[in-house]
Amino acid sequence: MTQPGAYGLAETIVSLLQDSIKANIATTLNNVKELRPGGLVTLEVPKEYFIYNVSNVYRCPAVYTIIQDQNIRDNVEKANFVNSNCTVLVAVVVEDRTGVGVTKKAWRYQAALMPILHQVSLTNMDGSVRIFSRVSNCQFSGVIHLKDEKSAEAVFRKEVSLKLIVEHIENLQTIAGDNS
């Protein structure tokens, strides 16, 4: 008798998205810099990646990849694949010394993430999982003053969150075994 193998589901989806961001973010940030010249805003490669909500980020920019929900749609009994769609939030938290700078930085990280996450198809190493990602919504937080805005050590923080709709198809591996 054959048994279905382990499902990758949420963990595989997050890994594919984060790996794509890590592999492409430096290039897309450079492209954004070239389109928007001027030294007011710096665009550093993210320093940290998280898969859970954290209240305080100490090393910005930081990227969060959070699965909100996953709808399994394989209605066929004994199907050999999983077909689902997921809602995933990919957020970047940025800091800058001015309110204007942190706002522009958030806009530019959004611009850099779009070609990485919107209308893209990603496949895992063995080809058993394929996802198609589409950005459906972007939200920007307000500007948070972490230190006095008039001091030389002023720090402002802002977040941009991209809501993704991710189509997920996963072939199930089978394990031969006798369950008699």
Protein backbone atom coordinates (compact mmCIF):
# COMPACT_ATOMS: atom_id res chain seq x y z
CA MET A 1 0.00 0.00 0.00
CA THR A 2 1.22 3.55 -0.67
CA GLN A 3 0.95 6.38 1.78
CA PRO A 4 1.14 10.11 1.02
CA GLY A 5 4.44 11.71 1.91
CA ALA A 6 4.84 14.77 4.07
CA TYR A 7 3.13 17.95 2.92
CA GLY A 8 5.31 21.05 2.54
CA LEU A 9 2.40 23.52 2.56
CA ALA A 10 3.06 26.75 4.49
CA GLU A 11 6.73 26.14 5.22
CA THR A 12 7.57 25.50 1.57
CA ILE A 13 5.64 28.57 0.40
CA VAL A 14 7.43 30.86 2.87
CA SER A 15 10.82 29.35 1.97
CA LEU A 16 10.25 29.89 -1.77
CA LEU A 17 9.18 33.51 -1.23
CA GLN A 18 12.01 34.37 1.16
CA ASP A 19 14.62 32.66 -1.02
CA SER A 20 13.41 34.68 -4.02
CA ILE A 21 13.58 37.93 -2.05
CA LYS A 22 17.09 37.15 -0.78
CA ALA A 23 18.30 36.23 -4.28
CA ASN A 24 16.85 39.30 -6.03
CA ILE A 25 16.51 42.19 -3.58
CA ALA A 26 19.99 43.67 -4.09
CA THR A 27 19.42 43.92 -7.86
CA THR A 28 15.93 45.41 -7.59
CA LEU A 29 17.04 47.91 -4.94
CA ASN A 30 19.85 49.03 -7.28
CA ASN A 31 17.32 49.40 -10.12
CA VAL A 32 15.14 51.61 -7.89
CA LYS A 33 18.18 53.72 -6.90
CA GLU A 34 19.00 54.30 -10.57
CA LEU A 35 15.44 55.42 -11.34
CA ARG A 36 15.31 57.77 -8.34
CA PRO A 37 18.70 59.46 -8.05
CA GLY A 38 19.63 61.62 -5.11
CA GLY A 39 21.33 60.89 -1.84
CA LEU A 40 18.41 61.60 0.49
CA VAL A 41 17.44 57.94 0.93
CA THR A 42 19.70 54.91 1.34
CA LEU A 43 18.46 51.46 0.36
CA GLU A 44 20.28 48.71 2.23
CA VAL A 45 19.77 45.00 1.65
CA PRO A 46 17.53 43.65 4.45
CA LYS A 47 19.46 42.62 7.53
CA GLU A 48 16.94 40.19 9.02
CA TYR A 49 14.13 37.90 7.84
CA PHE A 50 11.31 36.71 10.10
CA ILE A 51 8.45 34.24 9.73
CA TYR A 52 6.55 35.45 12.80
CA ASN A 53 5.35 38.78 14.15
CA VAL A 54 7.94 40.54 16.26
CA SER A 55 7.09 43.72 18.15
CA ASN A 56 10.56 45.28 18.10
CA VAL A 57 13.01 45.12 15.23
CA TYR A 58 16.54 46.12 16.11
CA ARG A 59 18.21 45.65 12.73
CA CYS A 60 16.29 47.36 9.96
CA PRO A 61 15.46 46.89 7.21
CA ALA A 62 13.75 43.65 8.18
CA VAL A 63 11.45 41.45 6.10
CA TYR A 64 8.51 39.53 7.53
CA THR A 65 6.80 36.72 5.61
CA ILE A 66 3.59 35.68 7.37
CA ILE A 67 0.97 33.25 6.07
CA GLN A 68 -2.48 34.49 7.07
CA ASP A 69 -4.56 31.63 5.72
CA GLN A 70 -4.49 28.71 3.31
CA ASN A 71 -7.51 27.31 1.51
CA ILE A 72 -7.03 23.69 0.37
CA ARG A 73 -9.02 23.11 -2.80
CA ASP A 74 -8.27 19.50 -3.80
CA ASN A 75 -11.79 18.10 -3.70
CA VAL A 76 -10.93 14.86 -5.47
CA GLU A 77 -10.80 11.88 -3.15
CA LYS A 78 -7.33 10.27 -3.06
CA ALA A 79 -5.80 13.06 -5.17
CA ASN A 80 -2.04 12.85 -5.65
CA PHE A 81 -1.53 16.61 -5.30
CA VAL A 82 -2.52 19.54 -3.12
CA ASN A 83 -4.06 22.58 -4.77
CA SER A 84 -4.47 25.58 -2.50
CA ASN A 85 -4.47 29.32 -2.41
CA CYS A 86 -2.93 31.33 0.40
CA THR A 87 -2.93 34.85 1.67
CA VAL A 88 0.62 35.85 2.59
CA LEU A 89 1.85 39.16 3.97
CA VAL A 90 5.36 40.26 3.11
CA ALA A 91 6.27 43.34 5.12
CA VAL A 92 9.41 45.43 5.31
CA VAL A 93 10.18 47.61 8.32
CA VAL A 94 12.53 50.50 7.58
CA GLU A 95 14.15 53.27 9.61
CA ASP A 96 15.58 56.65 8.71
CA ARG A 97 16.65 59.87 10.42
CA THR A 98 13.77 61.91 8.96
CA GLY A 99 10.06 61.41 8.41
CA VAL A 100 10.41 62.27 4.72
CA GLY A 101 13.33 59.87 4.33
CA VAL A 102 11.56 56.94 6.00
CA THR A 103 8.44 57.50 3.89
CA LYS A 104 10.40 57.53 0.63
CA LYS A 105 12.38 54.51 1.79
CA ALA A 106 9.14 52.54 2.37
CA TRP A 107 7.88 53.52 -1.09
CA ARG A 108 11.14 52.38 -2.65
CA TYR A 109 11.16 49.02 -0.88
CA GLN A 110 7.63 48.50 -2.19
CA ALA A 111 8.90 49.27 -5.70
CA ALA A 112 11.82 46.85 -5.25
CA LEU A 113 9.61 44.02 -3.96
CA MET A 114 7.01 44.25 -6.73
CA PRO A 115 9.07 42.57 -9.49
CA ILE A 116 10.11 39.85 -7.03
CA LEU A 117 6.62 39.04 -5.76
CA HIS A 118 4.05 40.13 -8.37
CA GLN A 119 3.06 37.79 -11.19
CA VAL A 120 5.90 35.36 -10.51
CA SER A 121 6.07 31.58 -10.59
CA LEU A 122 8.50 29.79 -8.26
CA THR A 123 9.35 26.08 -8.04
CA ASN A 124 11.23 24.19 -5.34
CA MET A 125 14.46 22.27 -6.04
CA ASP A 126 12.88 18.86 -6.77
CA GLY A 127 9.96 20.31 -8.73
CA SER A 128 7.31 18.92 -6.38
CA VAL A 129 5.97 22.36 -5.39
CA ARG A 130 5.06 25.27 -7.66
CA ILE A 131 3.61 28.57 -6.54
CA PHE A 132 2.30 31.57 -8.44
CA SER A 133 2.38 34.84 -6.49
CA ARG A 134 0.35 37.98 -7.18
CA VAL A 135 0.38 41.17 -5.10
CA SER A 136 -3.23 42.12 -4.42
CA ASN A 137 -2.79 45.03 -2.02
CA CYS A 138 -0.16 47.25 -0.40
CA GLN A 139 -0.52 49.01 2.93
CA PHE A 140 1.72 51.60 4.54
CA SER A 141 1.90 52.21 8.26
CA GLY A 142 2.12 55.63 9.79
CA VAL A 143 5.49 57.09 10.69
CA ILE A 144 6.61 56.20 14.20
CA HIS A 145 9.02 58.51 16.08
CA LEU A 146 11.42 56.32 18.05
CA LYS A 147 13.55 59.22 19.28
CA ASP A 148 12.98 62.98 19.39
CA GLU A 149 12.59 64.18 15.82
CA LYS A 150 14.63 67.33 16.49
CA SER A 151 17.63 65.57 18.03
CA ALA A 152 20.74 64.49 16.14
CA GLU A 153 19.84 60.89 17.01
CA ALA A 154 16.31 61.05 15.57
CA VAL A 155 14.94 57.72 14.34
CA PHE A 156 11.73 57.23 12.40
CA ARG A 157 10.22 53.84 11.55
CA LYS A 158 7.68 52.86 8.90
CA GLU A 159 6.36 49.61 7.43
CA VAL A 160 5.12 48.63 4.00
CA SER A 161 3.10 45.42 3.75
CA LEU A 162 2.35 43.62 0.49
CA LYS A 163 -0.59 41.24 0.55
CA LEU A 164 -0.02 38.28 -1.76
CA ILE A 165 -2.45 35.78 -3.17
CA VAL A 166 -0.38 32.64 -3.72
CA GLU A 167 -1.60 29.70 -5.79
CA HIS A 168 0.09 26.54 -4.54
CA ILE A 169 0.34 23.16 -6.27
CA GLU A 170 2.20 20.38 -4.52
CA ASN A 171 2.69 16.86 -5.84
CA LEU A 172 2.56 14.31 -3.07
CA GLN A 173 5.47 11.91 -2.78
CA THR A 174 4.51 8.34 -2.04
CA ILE A 175 6.24 6.02 0.32
CA ALA A 176 6.00 2.33 -0.48
CA GLY A 177 5.18 0.28 2.54
CA ASP A 178 3.05 -2.53 3.80
CA ASN A 179 0.36 -1.53 6.29
CA SER A 180 -1.10 -4.96 6.77
